[in-house]
Protein backbone atom coordinates (compact mmCIF):
# COMPACT_ATOMS: atom_id res chain seq x y z
CA MET A 1 -32.48 22.74 -12.44
CA LYS A 2 -31.32 23.55 -15.94
CA ALA A 3 -27.69 22.92 -14.97
CA THR A 4 -28.62 19.52 -13.50
CA LYS A 5 -30.40 18.48 -16.68
CA THR A 6 -27.43 19.50 -18.83
CA ASN A 7 -25.04 17.72 -16.48
CA THR A 8 -27.15 14.54 -16.57
CA THR A 9 -27.20 14.63 -20.38
CA ALA A 10 -23.42 15.02 -20.52
CA ILE A 11 -22.95 12.13 -18.09
CA SER A 12 -25.32 9.94 -20.09
CA LYS A 13 -23.40 10.67 -23.28
CA LEU A 14 -20.12 9.91 -21.55
CA VAL A 15 -21.43 6.61 -20.19
CA ALA A 16 -22.81 5.64 -23.60
CA ARG A 17 -19.47 6.42 -25.26
CA PHE A 18 -17.62 4.42 -22.60
CA ASP A 19 -19.95 1.46 -23.17
CA ASP A 20 -19.43 1.62 -26.94
CA GLU A 21 -15.65 1.80 -26.66
CA LEU A 22 -15.52 -1.00 -24.10
CA MET A 23 -17.67 -3.21 -26.33
CA GLU A 24 -15.34 -2.51 -29.29
CA ILE A 25 -12.29 -3.46 -27.20
CA LEU A 26 -13.91 -6.65 -25.96
CA LEU A 27 -15.02 -7.69 -29.45
CA GLU A 28 -11.53 -7.05 -30.82
CA ASP A 29 -10.03 -9.16 -28.04
CA LEU A 30 -12.52 -11.94 -28.78
CA ARG A 31 -11.65 -11.89 -32.49
CA ASN A 32 -7.95 -12.07 -31.67
CA PHE A 33 -8.53 -14.89 -29.19
CA ARG A 34 -10.51 -16.90 -31.76
CA ALA A 35 -7.84 -16.31 -34.42
CA ARG A 36 -5.06 -17.54 -32.10
CA ASN A 37 -6.98 -20.56 -30.85
CA GLN A 38 -8.28 -21.68 -34.23
CA PHE A 39 -4.79 -22.99 -35.01
CA ARG A 40 -4.83 -25.08 -31.81
CA LYS A 41 -8.34 -26.34 -32.52
CA ASN A 42 -7.33 -27.43 -36.03
CA ASN A 43 -4.25 -29.19 -34.66
CA GLN A 44 -6.36 -31.02 -32.07
CA GLN A 45 -8.78 -32.16 -34.76
CA VAL A 46 -5.93 -33.43 -36.96
CA ALA A 47 -4.35 -35.23 -34.02
CA ALA A 48 -7.69 -36.86 -33.14
CA GLN A 49 -8.22 -37.97 -36.73
CA GLN A 50 -4.71 -39.45 -36.89
CA THR A 51 -5.33 -41.29 -33.63
CA LEU A 52 -8.59 -42.71 -34.98
CA LYS A 53 -6.89 -43.81 -38.20
CA ALA A 54 -4.08 -45.51 -36.28
CA ALA A 55 -6.52 -47.45 -34.13
């Protein structure tokens, strides 16, 4: 039983580490996505304002 408890603890630590690393990767991807798309969003806003001014 002692071996099972140790094994379960090791698996739990591994799963927790995996979750932490996956979250870090996803957050980094989200930051990069926002940084790339902010330029597009700003361009769309400028284009919309120019269209409103022209009308």
